[in-house]
Amino acid sequence: MGHVVATDRDVFDPELATLMDFSVSQEDGVHFMYVRHSARSGRFVESTFFTTKRLPLATYERAIGAHLRDAMVSQTGASSRASKARSR
């Protein structure tokens, strides 16, 4: 499952893509994210799981949300309750 993420200004490097990022949680099975260019002000972010059963849609939504929050924190240097909780 994936989402197109758009911004009001050009914030994405059109030369940069993330393929098969396995640094995400593996709690629900083999899991990776990828981020590809869709526009200078947008990206397509997808969460992929390899499992023996179909996962609820909410699992994908949570994974994409967490990935986007972590990306925002790393780009801005800001802290968030979610990233602090996961690092414990």
Protein backbone atom coordinates (compact mmCIF):
# COMPACT_ATOMS: atom_id res chain seq x y z
CA MET A 1 0.00 0.00 0.00
CA GLY A 2 1.25 3.49 -0.71
CA HIS A 3 0.46 7.17 -0.51
CA VAL A 4 1.38 10.17 -2.60
CA VAL A 5 2.78 12.78 -0.25
CA ALA A 6 2.65 16.36 -1.52
CA THR A 7 4.02 19.57 -0.06
CA ASP A 8 3.33 23.25 -0.70
CA ARG A 9 6.90 23.84 -1.89
CA ASP A 10 9.72 21.95 -3.59
CA VAL A 11 11.36 20.03 -0.76
CA PHE A 12 12.31 16.74 -2.40
CA ASP A 13 15.50 16.05 -4.30
CA PRO A 14 14.38 14.68 -7.71
CA GLU A 15 17.60 12.64 -7.91
CA LEU A 16 16.96 10.78 -4.64
CA ALA A 17 14.94 7.59 -4.17
CA THR A 18 14.85 5.06 -1.34
CA LEU A 19 14.55 1.45 -2.43
CA MET A 20 13.86 -1.44 -0.08
CA ASP A 21 14.55 0.31 3.21
CA PHE A 22 14.58 -2.55 5.73
CA SER A 23 15.40 -0.27 8.68
CA VAL A 24 11.69 -0.20 9.55
CA SER A 25 9.96 -2.47 12.07
CA GLN A 26 9.97 -6.17 11.19
CA GLU A 27 7.38 -6.96 13.88
CA ASP A 28 4.63 -8.00 11.43
CA GLY A 29 6.84 -9.89 8.96
CA VAL A 30 9.52 -9.06 6.43
CA HIS A 31 8.88 -5.37 5.79
CA PHE A 32 10.42 -2.60 3.75
CA MET A 33 9.56 0.88 2.57
CA TYR A 34 10.34 2.61 -0.63
CA VAL A 35 10.05 6.22 -1.64
CA ARG A 36 10.09 7.30 -5.26
CA HIS A 37 9.80 10.57 -7.10
CA SER A 38 6.34 11.65 -8.20
CA ALA A 39 6.96 15.42 -8.44
CA ARG A 40 9.40 17.98 -7.03
CA SER A 41 6.85 18.69 -4.35
CA GLY A 42 5.74 15.08 -3.91
CA ARG A 43 6.77 11.50 -3.36
CA PHE A 44 5.12 8.10 -3.54
CA VAL A 45 5.73 6.25 -0.26
CA GLU A 46 4.96 2.53 -0.14
CA SER A 47 5.01 -0.03 2.64
CA THR A 48 5.55 -3.64 1.57
CA PHE A 49 5.21 -6.73 3.77
CA PHE A 50 6.01 -10.34 2.95
CA THR A 51 3.82 -12.47 5.22
CA THR A 52 1.85 -15.70 5.15
CA LYS A 53 -1.39 -13.83 5.83
CA ARG A 54 -2.95 -10.61 4.62
CA LEU A 55 -2.39 -7.79 7.08
CA PRO A 56 -5.05 -5.25 8.05
CA LEU A 57 -4.95 -1.99 6.10
CA ALA A 58 -4.27 -0.16 9.38
CA THR A 59 -0.89 -1.92 9.64
CA TYR A 60 0.23 -0.32 6.37
CA GLU A 61 -1.17 3.06 7.39
CA ARG A 62 0.73 2.97 10.69
CA ALA A 63 3.96 1.94 8.95
CA ILE A 64 3.74 4.76 6.40
CA GLY A 65 2.87 7.29 9.10
CA ALA A 66 5.81 6.21 11.26
CA HIS A 67 8.18 6.34 8.30
CA LEU A 68 7.05 9.86 7.38
CA ARG A 69 7.33 11.07 10.99
CA ASP A 70 10.84 9.63 11.27
CA ALA A 71 11.83 11.26 7.97
CA MET A 72 10.52 14.64 9.14
CA VAL A 73 12.36 14.34 12.44
CA SER A 74 15.64 13.44 10.74
CA GLN A 75 15.32 16.30 8.20
CA THR A 76 14.36 18.99 10.70
CA GLY A 77 16.29 17.80 13.74
CA ALA A 78 13.04 18.08 15.71
CA SER A 79 12.05 15.57 18.31
CA SER A 80 8.78 13.73 18.52
CA ARG A 81 7.12 11.61 21.16
CA ALA A 82 6.79 8.75 18.64
CA SER A 83 10.46 8.63 17.73
CA LYS A 84 11.54 8.86 21.39
CA ALA A 85 9.20 6.01 22.37
CA ARG A 86 10.56 3.74 19.62
CA SER A 87 14.16 4.38 20.61
CA ARG A 88 13.67 3.07 24.17
